[in-house]
Amino acid sequence: QAAAQGLGGYLDPSCTEPLVEGVEPYDVVFCILHALTCIGDLVVDWLHNWTMNQPDHQVLLVKLNSVLFGQWVHLTISNMVPMQGWHLKGCHAAALLKAFPMICAAVGVPLEVADCESVRRLFHIMYIFDPLLPSHEEDMVWFQVNMRQVMETFTTIICSHHQPNYVHEIAEHATDLLSAGGLCPFCNDSMKTLQSMLKATFHDWSPCYGGTSTMDMLWTVWEWWFMRMQVCVLEGCASIPFLNTDLKRQLGIEALLSSPSTAGVV
């Protein structure tokens, strides 16, 4: 497995050399990039189920939605789960993880559940664009020591009803991702991105994999477009109009995941 080469020009369309070799693109790129959104959906599912099982659930729903609105999570939780699921965008899933301790305090969620907020730091490290720099050594050490325990705790508390495959994939492949130079080499490699999309589309169209064809395919294509846009936003890509560099970084997933959580109740 080769380490990533220089990353300075990875947004340059003329740069066509593969920057990462020896890492299966579907396992790493799709599972890890997709997982942030999926984990956001799982957290919302848990919050919905826990709230609806409380005697004063209508009051708690009002408090819960007030916090979500105040923390820029574009989501309203109601009595019924939407038929199509919550479908949080990556940036809103990041904002949800950031606000998780505040949400727990607002509705009285047990303290041991609030500890799952450490998942936010886990994803922040996975979204660092140059993880091999000496300045990130402390984060890398924390990641190596705590990654499996954080995911096991999250799975035990939030995902107790089932074991999503991508949670396993994070545990198996996240270290490979970081040691290969992080997300940006993968996002630069159009062929690997296309390969991942084609494999996902095959699953979406195949009844034996439980796919429902058109809607799944459209969702997959949109998801990949959004993830690539996040890369451009984080790096202040000049091709995106109407956003200055500071605002781009504020809107990016990494910025959301690295922001300190706010304690208290709105």
C-alpha atoms as a PDB file:
ATOM      1  CA  GLN A   1       0.000   0.000   0.000  1.00  0.00           C
ATOM      2  CA  ALA A   2       1.555   3.217  -1.112  1.00  0.00           C
ATOM      3  CA  ALA A   3       1.300   6.399   0.884  1.00  0.00           C
ATOM      4  CA  ALA A   4      -0.349   9.367  -0.765  1.00  0.00           C
ATOM      5  CA  GLN A   5       1.852  11.651  -2.811  1.00  0.00           C
ATOM      6  CA  GLY A   6       1.758  15.438  -2.474  1.00  0.00           C
ATOM      7  CA  LEU A   7      -1.818  16.606  -2.073  1.00  0.00           C
ATOM      8  CA  GLY A   8      -1.511  20.232  -3.054  1.00  0.00           C
ATOM      9  CA  GLY A   9      -3.006  19.843  -6.544  1.00  0.00           C
ATOM     10  CA  TYR A  10      -5.618  17.195  -5.938  1.00  0.00           C
ATOM     11  CA  LEU A  11      -8.440  19.507  -7.066  1.00  0.00           C
ATOM     12  CA  ASP A  12      -6.640  20.213 -10.351  1.00  0.00           C
ATOM     13  CA  PRO A  13      -8.570  18.356 -13.102  1.00  0.00           C
ATOM     14  CA  SER A  14      -5.322  17.903 -15.052  1.00  0.00           C
ATOM     15  CA  CYS A  15      -3.975  15.742 -12.206  1.00  0.00           C
ATOM     16  CA  THR A  16      -4.910  12.217 -13.344  1.00  0.00           C
ATOM     17  CA  GLU A  17      -2.265  10.110 -11.638  1.00  0.00           C
ATOM     18  CA  PRO A  18      -3.760   7.727  -9.045  1.00  0.00           C
ATOM     19  CA  LEU A  19      -2.597   8.936  -5.637  1.00  0.00           C
ATOM     20  CA  VAL A  20      -3.461   5.781  -3.712  1.00  0.00           C
ATOM     21  CA  GLU A  21      -2.702   2.201  -4.673  1.00  0.00           C
ATOM     22  CA  GLY A  22      -3.601  -1.078  -3.029  1.00  0.00           C
ATOM     23  CA  VAL A  23      -6.743  -0.016  -1.143  1.00  0.00           C
ATOM     24  CA  GLU A  24     -10.097  -1.314  -2.385  1.00  0.00           C
ATOM     25  CA  PRO A  25     -12.062   1.831  -3.329  1.00  0.00           C
ATOM     26  CA  TYR A  26     -15.535   0.491  -2.647  1.00  0.00           C
ATOM     27  CA  ASP A  27     -14.680  -0.722   0.850  1.00  0.00           C
ATOM     28  CA  VAL A  28     -12.972   2.503   1.873  1.00  0.00           C
ATOM     29  CA  VAL A  29     -14.525   5.374  -0.048  1.00  0.00           C
ATOM     30  CA  PHE A  30     -18.144   4.354  -0.182  1.00  0.00           C
ATOM     31  CA  CYS A  31     -18.414   2.844   3.299  1.00  0.00           C
ATOM     32  CA  ILE A  32     -16.649   5.623   5.185  1.00  0.00           C
ATOM     33  CA  LEU A  33     -18.066   8.607   3.307  1.00  0.00           C
ATOM     34  CA  HIS A  34     -21.544   7.086   3.367  1.00  0.00           C
ATOM     35  CA  ALA A  35     -21.279   6.142   7.042  1.00  0.00           C
ATOM     36  CA  LEU A  36     -21.472   9.700   8.382  1.00  0.00           C
ATOM     37  CA  THR A  37     -24.930  10.143   6.886  1.00  0.00           C
ATOM     38  CA  CYS A  38     -26.039   6.667   7.969  1.00  0.00           C
ATOM     39  CA  ILE A  39     -24.833   7.166  11.525  1.00  0.00           C
ATOM     40  CA  GLY A  40     -26.751  10.445  11.628  1.00  0.00           C
ATOM     41  CA  ASP A  41     -29.888   8.540  10.608  1.00  0.00           C
ATOM     42  CA  LEU A  42     -29.261   5.926  13.311  1.00  0.00           C
ATOM     43  CA  VAL A  43     -28.898   8.626  15.976  1.00  0.00           C
ATOM     44  CA  VAL A  44     -32.172  10.229  14.853  1.00  0.00           C
ATOM     45  CA  ASP A  45     -33.889   6.822  14.903  1.00  0.00           C
ATOM     46  CA  TRP A  46     -32.690   6.244  18.461  1.00  0.00           C
ATOM     47  CA  LEU A  47     -33.753   9.731  19.592  1.00  0.00           C
ATOM     48  CA  HIS A  48     -37.184   9.251  18.017  1.00  0.00           C
ATOM     49  CA  ASN A  49     -37.727   5.817  19.593  1.00  0.00           C
ATOM     50  CA  TRP A  50     -36.492   6.926  23.019  1.00  0.00           C
ATOM     51  CA  THR A  51     -38.610  10.094  22.990  1.00  0.00           C
ATOM     52  CA  MET A  52     -41.788   8.319  21.858  1.00  0.00           C
ATOM     53  CA  ASN A  53     -41.412   5.820  24.731  1.00  0.00           C
ATOM     54  CA  GLN A  54     -41.521   8.609  27.348  1.00  0.00           C
ATOM     55  CA  PRO A  55     -44.855   9.570  29.004  1.00  0.00           C
ATOM     56  CA  ASP A  56     -44.420  13.252  28.067  1.00  0.00           C
ATOM     57  CA  HIS A  57     -43.181  12.546  24.549  1.00  0.00           C
ATOM     58  CA  GLN A  58     -45.074  15.442  22.934  1.00  0.00           C
ATOM     59  CA  VAL A  59     -43.366  17.960  25.231  1.00  0.00           C
ATOM     60  CA  LEU A  60     -40.004  16.310  24.605  1.00  0.00           C
ATOM     61  CA  LEU A  61     -40.512  16.435  20.836  1.00  0.00           C
ATOM     62  CA  VAL A  62     -40.969  20.210  21.055  1.00  0.00           C
ATOM     63  CA  LYS A  63     -37.751  20.555  23.080  1.00  0.00           C
ATOM     64  CA  LEU A  64     -35.894  18.210  20.757  1.00  0.00           C
ATOM     65  CA  ASN A  65     -36.897  20.068  17.605  1.00  0.00           C
ATOM     66  CA  SER A  66     -36.067  23.393  19.249  1.00  0.00           C
ATOM     67  CA  VAL A  67     -32.484  22.255  19.827  1.00  0.00           C
ATOM     68  CA  LEU A  68     -32.197  20.829  16.308  1.00  0.00           C
ATOM     69  CA  PHE A  69     -33.406  24.117  14.812  1.00  0.00           C
ATOM     70  CA  GLY A  70     -31.060  26.167  17.006  1.00  0.00           C
ATOM     71  CA  GLN A  71     -28.064  24.041  15.986  1.00  0.00           C
ATOM     72  CA  TRP A  72     -28.778  24.258  12.233  1.00  0.00           C
ATOM     73  CA  VAL A  73     -29.748  20.610  11.871  1.00  0.00           C
ATOM     74  CA  HIS A  74     -32.303  20.708   9.053  1.00  0.00           C
ATOM     75  CA  LEU A  75     -34.600  18.075  10.506  1.00  0.00           C
ATOM     76  CA  THR A  76     -37.972  17.925  12.250  1.00  0.00           C
ATOM     77  CA  ILE A  77     -38.756  14.823  14.300  1.00  0.00           C
ATOM     78  CA  SER A  78     -42.457  13.992  14.504  1.00  0.00           C
ATOM     79  CA  ASN A  79     -44.538  11.116  15.859  1.00  0.00           C
ATOM     80  CA  MET A  80     -44.109   9.078  12.680  1.00  0.00           C
ATOM     81  CA  VAL A  81     -40.864   8.054  10.985  1.00  0.00           C
ATOM     82  CA  PRO A  82     -40.884   9.148   7.304  1.00  0.00           C
ATOM     83  CA  MET A  83     -41.405   6.229   4.926  1.00  0.00           C
ATOM     84  CA  GLN A  84     -38.253   7.176   3.013  1.00  0.00           C
ATOM     85  CA  GLY A  85     -36.185   7.570   6.202  1.00  0.00           C
ATOM     86  CA  TRP A  86     -34.535  10.714   7.567  1.00  0.00           C
ATOM     87  CA  HIS A  87     -31.898  11.077   4.814  1.00  0.00           C
ATOM     88  CA  LEU A  88     -29.639  13.558   6.602  1.00  0.00           C
ATOM     89  CA  LYS A  89     -27.025  15.265   4.436  1.00  0.00           C
ATOM     90  CA  GLY A  90     -23.442  14.871   5.561  1.00  0.00           C
ATOM     91  CA  CYS A  91     -23.178  18.423   6.936  1.00  0.00           C
ATOM     92  CA  HIS A  92     -26.419  18.033   8.928  1.00  0.00           C
ATOM     93  CA  ALA A  93     -25.279  14.676  10.309  1.00  0.00           C
ATOM     94  CA  ALA A  94     -22.079  16.403  11.446  1.00  0.00           C
ATOM     95  CA  ALA A  95     -24.114  19.187  13.072  1.00  0.00           C
ATOM     96  CA  LEU A  96     -26.273  16.557  14.785  1.00  0.00           C
ATOM     97  CA  LEU A  97     -23.227  14.832  16.280  1.00  0.00           C
ATOM     98  CA  LYS A  98     -21.882  18.210  17.397  1.00  0.00           C
ATOM     99  CA  ALA A  99     -25.172  19.043  19.146  1.00  0.00           C
ATOM    100  CA  PHE A 100     -25.685  15.574  20.622  1.00  0.00           C
ATOM    101  CA  PRO A 101     -24.724  16.427  24.252  1.00  0.00           C
ATOM    102  CA  MET A 102     -27.029  19.468  24.177  1.00  0.00           C
ATOM    103  CA  ILE A 103     -29.859  17.337  22.776  1.00  0.00           C
ATOM    104  CA  CYS A 104     -29.353  14.732  25.503  1.00  0.00           C
ATOM    105  CA  ALA A 105     -29.470  17.435  28.189  1.00  0.00           C
ATOM    106  CA  ALA A 106     -32.605  18.991  26.692  1.00  0.00           C
ATOM    107  CA  VAL A 107     -34.705  15.831  26.733  1.00  0.00           C
ATOM    108  CA  GLY A 108     -33.106  13.988  29.662  1.00  0.00           C
ATOM    109  CA  VAL A 109     -31.324  11.220  27.774  1.00  0.00           C
ATOM    110  CA  PRO A 110     -29.157   9.020  30.071  1.00  0.00           C
ATOM    111  CA  LEU A 111     -25.564  10.213  30.409  1.00  0.00           C
ATOM    112  CA  GLU A 112     -24.067   7.004  29.032  1.00  0.00           C
ATOM    113  CA  VAL A 113     -25.787   7.711  25.721  1.00  0.00           C
ATOM    114  CA  ALA A 114     -24.308  11.217  25.539  1.00  0.00           C
ATOM    115  CA  ASP A 115     -20.865   9.602  25.570  1.00  0.00           C
ATOM    116  CA  CYS A 116     -21.521   8.533  21.977  1.00  0.00           C
ATOM    117  CA  GLU A 117     -20.609  12.111  21.052  1.00  0.00           C
ATOM    118  CA  SER A 118     -17.037  10.789  20.850  1.00  0.00           C
ATOM    119  CA  VAL A 119     -18.102   9.411  17.454  1.00  0.00           C
ATOM    120  CA  ARG A 120     -17.845  13.044  16.308  1.00  0.00           C
ATOM    121  CA  ARG A 121     -14.118  13.168  17.058  1.00  0.00           C
ATOM    122  CA  LEU A 122     -13.681   9.854  15.273  1.00  0.00           C
ATOM    123  CA  PHE A 123     -15.219  11.257  12.088  1.00  0.00           C
ATOM    124  CA  HIS A 124     -13.367  14.547  12.435  1.00  0.00           C
ATOM    125  CA  ILE A 125     -10.088  12.634  12.230  1.00  0.00           C
ATOM    126  CA  MET A 126     -11.316  10.662   9.214  1.00  0.00           C
ATOM    127  CA  TYR A 127     -12.122  13.980   7.495  1.00  0.00           C
ATOM    128  CA  ILE A 128      -8.663  15.501   8.113  1.00  0.00           C
ATOM    129  CA  PHE A 129      -7.168  16.086   4.678  1.00  0.00           C
ATOM    130  CA  ASP A 130      -3.503  15.640   5.557  1.00  0.00           C
ATOM    131  CA  PRO A 131      -3.596  13.145   8.454  1.00  0.00           C
ATOM    132  CA  LEU A 132       0.092  12.267   8.085  1.00  0.00           C
ATOM    133  CA  LEU A 133       1.273  15.770   9.013  1.00  0.00           C
ATOM    134  CA  PRO A 134       3.162  15.949  12.348  1.00  0.00           C
ATOM    135  CA  SER A 135       0.552  18.399  13.671  1.00  0.00           C
ATOM    136  CA  HIS A 136      -2.038  15.600  13.606  1.00  0.00           C
ATOM    137  CA  GLU A 137       0.088  13.046  15.438  1.00  0.00           C
ATOM    138  CA  GLU A 138      -1.950  13.347  18.664  1.00  0.00           C
ATOM    139  CA  ASP A 139      -5.208  12.780  16.781  1.00  0.00           C
ATOM    140  CA  MET A 140      -3.763   9.766  14.996  1.00  0.00           C
ATOM    141  CA  VAL A 141      -2.607   8.210  18.269  1.00  0.00           C
ATOM    142  CA  TRP A 142      -6.052   8.786  19.831  1.00  0.00           C
ATOM    143  CA  PHE A 143      -7.682   7.251  16.765  1.00  0.00           C
ATOM    144  CA  GLN A 144      -5.544   4.111  16.846  1.00  0.00           C
ATOM    145  CA  VAL A 145      -6.182   3.594  20.567  1.00  0.00           C
ATOM    146  CA  ASN A 146      -9.890   4.442  20.741  1.00  0.00           C
ATOM    147  CA  MET A 147     -11.446   3.780  17.325  1.00  0.00           C
ATOM    148  CA  ARG A 148     -12.700   0.242  17.941  1.00  0.00           C
ATOM    149  CA  GLN A 149     -13.966   0.986  21.462  1.00  0.00           C
ATOM    150  CA  VAL A 150     -15.838   4.087  20.289  1.00  0.00           C
ATOM    151  CA  MET A 151     -17.551   2.132  17.514  1.00  0.00           C
ATOM    152  CA  GLU A 152     -18.338  -0.789  19.842  1.00  0.00           C
ATOM    153  CA  THR A 153     -19.951   1.588  22.359  1.00  0.00           C
ATOM    154  CA  PHE A 154     -21.931   3.304  19.611  1.00  0.00           C
ATOM    155  CA  THR A 155     -23.086  -0.052  18.233  1.00  0.00           C
ATOM    156  CA  THR A 156     -24.086  -1.365  21.663  1.00  0.00           C
ATOM    157  CA  ILE A 157     -26.133   1.699  22.649  1.00  0.00           C
ATOM    158  CA  ILE A 158     -27.448   3.215  19.424  1.00  0.00           C
ATOM    159  CA  CYS A 159     -27.465   0.186  17.103  1.00  0.00           C
ATOM    160  CA  SER A 160     -28.551  -2.491  19.591  1.00  0.00           C
ATOM    161  CA  HIS A 161     -31.389  -3.578  17.277  1.00  0.00           C
ATOM    162  CA  HIS A 162     -29.072  -4.451  14.385  1.00  0.00           C
ATOM    163  CA  GLN A 163     -25.437  -4.370  13.270  1.00  0.00           C
ATOM    164  CA  PRO A 164     -25.055  -2.222  10.142  1.00  0.00           C
ATOM    165  CA  ASN A 165     -22.363  -3.517   7.818  1.00  0.00           C
ATOM    166  CA  TYR A 166     -20.767  -0.089   7.337  1.00  0.00           C
ATOM    167  CA  VAL A 167     -20.045   0.142  11.083  1.00  0.00           C
ATOM    168  CA  HIS A 168     -17.950  -2.992  10.646  1.00  0.00           C
ATOM    169  CA  GLU A 169     -16.346  -1.488   7.537  1.00  0.00           C
ATOM    170  CA  ILE A 170     -15.260   1.610   9.469  1.00  0.00           C
ATOM    171  CA  ALA A 171     -13.583  -0.575  12.067  1.00  0.00           C
ATOM    172  CA  GLU A 172     -11.849  -2.597   9.344  1.00  0.00           C
ATOM    173  CA  HIS A 173     -10.838   0.110   6.858  1.00  0.00           C
ATOM    174  CA  ALA A 174     -10.584   3.495   8.591  1.00  0.00           C
ATOM    175  CA  THR A 175      -6.944   2.949   9.569  1.00  0.00           C
ATOM    176  CA  ASP A 176      -6.127   2.028   5.952  1.00  0.00           C
ATOM    177  CA  LEU A 177      -7.785   5.242   4.814  1.00  0.00           C
ATOM    178  CA  LEU A 178      -5.726   7.434   7.140  1.00  0.00           C
ATOM    179  CA  SER A 179      -2.422   5.662   6.514  1.00  0.00           C
ATOM    180  CA  ALA A 180      -2.999   6.081   2.757  1.00  0.00           C
ATOM    181  CA  GLY A 181      -3.289   9.851   3.114  1.00  0.00           C
ATOM    182  CA  GLY A 182      -6.938  10.441   4.027  1.00  0.00           C
ATOM    183  CA  LEU A 183      -9.926  11.333   1.884  1.00  0.00           C
ATOM    184  CA  CYS A 184      -8.459  13.723  -0.654  1.00  0.00           C
ATOM    185  CA  PRO A 185      -6.487  11.191  -2.757  1.00  0.00           C
ATOM    186  CA  PHE A 186      -9.622   9.094  -3.179  1.00  0.00           C
ATOM    187  CA  CYS A 187     -11.763  12.098  -4.059  1.00  0.00           C
ATOM    188  CA  ASN A 188      -9.197  13.125  -6.668  1.00  0.00           C
ATOM    189  CA  ASP A 189      -9.241   9.756  -8.431  1.00  0.00           C
ATOM    190  CA  SER A 190     -12.213   9.894 -10.800  1.00  0.00           C
ATOM    191  CA  MET A 191     -11.764   6.299 -11.976  1.00  0.00           C
ATOM    192  CA  LYS A 192     -11.954   4.908  -8.450  1.00  0.00           C
ATOM    193  CA  THR A 193     -14.940   7.129  -7.693  1.00  0.00           C
ATOM    194  CA  LEU A 194     -16.696   5.913 -10.853  1.00  0.00           C
ATOM    195  CA  GLN A 195     -15.913   2.299  -9.978  1.00  0.00           C
ATOM    196  CA  SER A 196     -17.473   2.779  -6.550  1.00  0.00           C
ATOM    197  CA  MET A 197     -20.580   4.386  -8.032  1.00  0.00           C
ATOM    198  CA  LEU A 198     -21.016   1.613 -10.600  1.00  0.00           C
ATOM    199  CA  LYS A 199     -20.764  -1.083  -7.952  1.00  0.00           C
ATOM    200  CA  ALA A 200     -23.278   0.715  -5.737  1.00  0.00           C
ATOM    201  CA  THR A 201     -25.605   1.182  -8.714  1.00  0.00           C
ATOM    202  CA  PHE A 202     -25.376  -2.538  -9.537  1.00  0.00           C
ATOM    203  CA  HIS A 203     -26.509  -3.319  -5.986  1.00  0.00           C
ATOM    204  CA  ASP A 204     -29.309  -0.764  -6.267  1.00  0.00           C
ATOM    205  CA  TRP A 205     -30.647  -2.351  -9.462  1.00  0.00           C
ATOM    206  CA  SER A 206     -30.242  -6.007  -8.390  1.00  0.00           C
ATOM    207  CA  PRO A 207     -33.270  -7.605  -6.662  1.00  0.00           C
ATOM    208  CA  CYS A 208     -30.987 -10.200  -5.053  1.00  0.00           C
ATOM    209  CA  TYR A 209     -29.363  -7.352  -3.104  1.00  0.00           C
ATOM    210  CA  GLY A 210     -32.697  -5.830  -2.124  1.00  0.00           C
ATOM    211  CA  GLY A 211     -32.306  -2.866  -4.464  1.00  0.00           C
ATOM    212  CA  THR A 212     -35.285  -0.816  -5.601  1.00  0.00           C
ATOM    213  CA  SER A 213     -33.686   0.412  -8.840  1.00  0.00           C
ATOM    214  CA  THR A 214     -34.372   3.980  -9.889  1.00  0.00           C
ATOM    215  CA  MET A 215     -34.766   5.824  -6.584  1.00  0.00           C
ATOM    216  CA  ASP A 216     -31.772   4.060  -5.017  1.00  0.00           C
ATOM    217  CA  MET A 217     -29.624   4.870  -8.037  1.00  0.00           C
ATOM    218  CA  LEU A 218     -30.628   8.531  -8.053  1.00  0.00           C
ATOM    219  CA  TRP A 219     -29.924   8.770  -4.327  1.00  0.00           C
ATOM    220  CA  THR A 220     -26.490   7.189  -4.800  1.00  0.00           C
ATOM    221  CA  VAL A 221     -25.544   9.591  -7.602  1.00  0.00           C
ATOM    222  CA  TRP A 222     -26.734  12.606  -5.589  1.00  0.00           C
ATOM    223  CA  GLU A 223     -24.830  11.385  -2.527  1.00  0.00           C
ATOM    224  CA  TRP A 224     -21.554  11.123  -4.405  1.00  0.00           C
ATOM    225  CA  TRP A 225     -22.017  14.566  -5.958  1.00  0.00           C
ATOM    226  CA  PHE A 226     -22.648  16.040  -2.521  1.00  0.00           C
ATOM    227  CA  MET A 227     -19.575  14.344  -1.011  1.00  0.00           C
ATOM    228  CA  ARG A 228     -17.315  15.653  -3.758  1.00  0.00           C
ATOM    229  CA  MET A 229     -18.742  19.148  -3.285  1.00  0.00           C
ATOM    230  CA  GLN A 230     -17.877  18.903   0.414  1.00  0.00           C
ATOM    231  CA  VAL A 231     -14.256  18.271  -0.528  1.00  0.00           C
ATOM    232  CA  CYS A 232     -14.230  21.421  -2.671  1.00  0.00           C
ATOM    233  CA  VAL A 233     -15.919  23.461   0.048  1.00  0.00           C
ATOM    234  CA  LEU A 234     -13.462  22.371   2.719  1.00  0.00           C
ATOM    235  CA  GLU A 235     -10.470  23.289   0.596  1.00  0.00           C
ATOM    236  CA  GLY A 236     -11.862  26.639  -0.566  1.00  0.00           C
ATOM    237  CA  CYS A 237     -12.107  25.634  -4.231  1.00  0.00           C
ATOM    238  CA  ALA A 238     -12.347  28.799  -6.357  1.00  0.00           C
ATOM    239  CA  SER A 239     -14.751  27.146  -8.816  1.00  0.00           C
ATOM    240  CA  ILE A 240     -17.655  27.371  -6.357  1.00  0.00           C
ATOM    241  CA  PRO A 241     -19.204  30.852  -6.714  1.00  0.00           C
ATOM    242  CA  PHE A 242     -20.639  33.067  -3.964  1.00  0.00           C
ATOM    243  CA  LEU A 243     -18.594  31.504  -1.144  1.00  0.00           C
ATOM    244  CA  ASN A 244     -15.512  33.115   0.312  1.00  0.00           C
ATOM    245  CA  THR A 245     -12.833  30.896   1.834  1.00  0.00           C
ATOM    246  CA  ASP A 246     -13.824  31.493   5.466  1.00  0.00           C
ATOM    247  CA  LEU A 247     -17.469  30.713   4.781  1.00  0.00           C
ATOM    248  CA  LYS A 248     -16.558  27.592   2.826  1.00  0.00           C
ATOM    249  CA  ARG A 249     -14.604  26.255   5.749  1.00  0.00           C
ATOM    250  CA  GLN A 250     -17.434  27.087   8.168  1.00  0.00           C
ATOM    251  CA  LEU A 251     -19.879  25.163   5.989  1.00  0.00           C
ATOM    252  CA  GLY A 252     -17.637  22.132   5.588  1.00  0.00           C
ATOM    253  CA  ILE A 253     -18.052  18.807   7.347  1.00  0.00           C
ATOM    254  CA  GLU A 254     -14.598  18.922   8.929  1.00  0.00           C
ATOM    255  CA  ALA A 255     -15.321  22.358  10.410  1.00  0.00           C
ATOM    256  CA  LEU A 256     -18.580  21.102  11.905  1.00  0.00           C
ATOM    257  CA  LEU A 257     -17.013  17.967  13.312  1.00  0.00           C
ATOM    258  CA  SER A 258     -14.081  19.837  14.846  1.00  0.00           C
ATOM    259  CA  SER A 259     -16.146  22.603  16.473  1.00  0.00           C
ATOM    260  CA  PRO A 260     -16.427  22.283  20.255  1.00  0.00           C
ATOM    261  CA  SER A 261     -19.794  21.077  21.502  1.00  0.00           C
ATOM    262  CA  THR A 262     -21.938  23.525  23.425  1.00  0.00           C
ATOM    263  CA  ALA A 263     -23.209  22.426  26.808  1.00  0.00           C
ATOM    264  CA  GLY A 264     -26.607  23.405  28.122  1.00  0.00           C
ATOM    265  CA  VAL A 265     -30.167  23.539  26.915  1.00  0.00           C
ATOM    266  CA  VAL A 266     -31.793  25.843  24.377  1.00  0.00           C
END
